[in-house]
């Protein structure tokens, strides 16, 4: 997992941008997000797009993680 390789986990995620093929996929995405983030989820933007990186994907997400030093 990329977060773990940087010494971080889901608690360090501050922003998610989700790309979905269909508007109804946003509901699926929200369910997945809520399983991985306890309490208030990070700031989130969901966008419906015409295509993703791989044709079999329904949802693609960019996560931004930050930690105070």
Protein backbone atom coordinates (compact mmCIF):
# COMPACT_ATOMS: atom_id res chain seq x y z
CA UNK A 1 0.00 0.00 0.00
CA UNK A 2 1.35 3.41 -0.94
CA UNK A 3 0.33 5.11 2.30
CA UNK A 4 2.15 2.50 4.40
CA UNK A 5 5.33 2.87 2.34
CA UNK A 6 5.36 6.56 3.40
CA UNK A 7 4.72 5.68 7.06
CA UNK A 8 1.08 6.81 6.86
CA UNK A 9 -2.38 5.26 6.98
CA UNK A 10 -5.97 6.26 6.22
CA UNK A 11 -6.03 8.56 9.27
CA UNK A 12 -3.52 10.81 7.45
CA UNK A 13 -5.73 11.30 4.36
CA UNK A 14 -7.03 14.88 4.18
CA UNK A 15 -8.59 14.97 0.67
CA UNK A 16 -10.07 12.44 -1.75
CA UNK A 17 -11.08 13.03 -5.34
CA UNK A 18 -13.16 10.14 -6.71
CA UNK A 19 -13.79 9.63 -10.41
CA UNK A 20 -16.85 7.51 -11.27
CA UNK A 21 -18.24 6.32 -14.60
CA UNK A 22 -21.88 6.81 -13.57
CA UNK A 23 -23.58 9.03 -11.01
CA UNK A 24 -24.99 5.97 -9.21
CA UNK A 25 -21.40 4.73 -8.68
CA UNK A 26 -20.93 7.66 -6.28
CA UNK A 27 -23.21 5.82 -3.80
CA UNK A 28 -20.96 2.74 -4.06
CA UNK A 29 -17.89 4.93 -3.57
CA UNK A 30 -19.42 6.59 -0.48
CA UNK A 31 -20.03 3.17 1.08
CA UNK A 32 -16.43 2.12 0.47
CA UNK A 33 -15.11 5.42 1.83
CA UNK A 34 -17.23 5.14 4.98
CA UNK A 35 -15.88 1.63 5.69
CA UNK A 36 -12.29 2.90 5.67
CA UNK A 37 -12.66 6.24 7.46
CA UNK A 38 -14.03 6.26 11.00
CA UNK A 39 -15.84 9.41 12.10
CA UNK A 40 -15.80 12.33 9.70
CA UNK A 41 -14.38 11.40 6.29
CA UNK A 42 -11.76 13.63 4.67
CA UNK A 43 -12.79 16.40 2.27
CA UNK A 44 -14.20 14.67 -0.79
CA UNK A 45 -15.01 15.58 -4.37
CA UNK A 46 -16.78 13.06 -6.62
CA UNK A 47 -16.74 13.57 -10.38
CA UNK A 48 -18.53 11.63 -13.13
CA UNK A 49 -16.17 11.02 -16.07
CA UNK A 50 -16.36 9.32 -19.47
CA UNK A 51 -13.48 6.90 -18.83
CA UNK A 52 -10.91 5.73 -16.29
CA UNK A 53 -7.35 4.39 -16.51
CA UNK A 54 -8.50 0.79 -17.11
CA UNK A 55 -11.74 -0.14 -18.89
CA UNK A 56 -12.86 -2.58 -16.15
CA UNK A 57 -12.65 0.05 -13.39
CA UNK A 58 -15.82 1.73 -12.15
CA UNK A 59 -14.19 4.06 -9.63
CA UNK A 60 -10.75 5.66 -9.46
CA UNK A 61 -9.58 7.85 -6.56
CA UNK A 62 -6.76 10.26 -5.78
CA UNK A 63 -5.90 10.60 -2.10
CA UNK A 64 -3.87 13.38 -0.51
CA UNK A 65 -2.26 12.55 2.83
CA UNK A 66 -0.49 14.97 5.15
CA UNK A 67 1.09 14.83 8.55
CA UNK A 68 2.29 17.68 10.75
CA UNK A 69 6.01 17.59 11.43
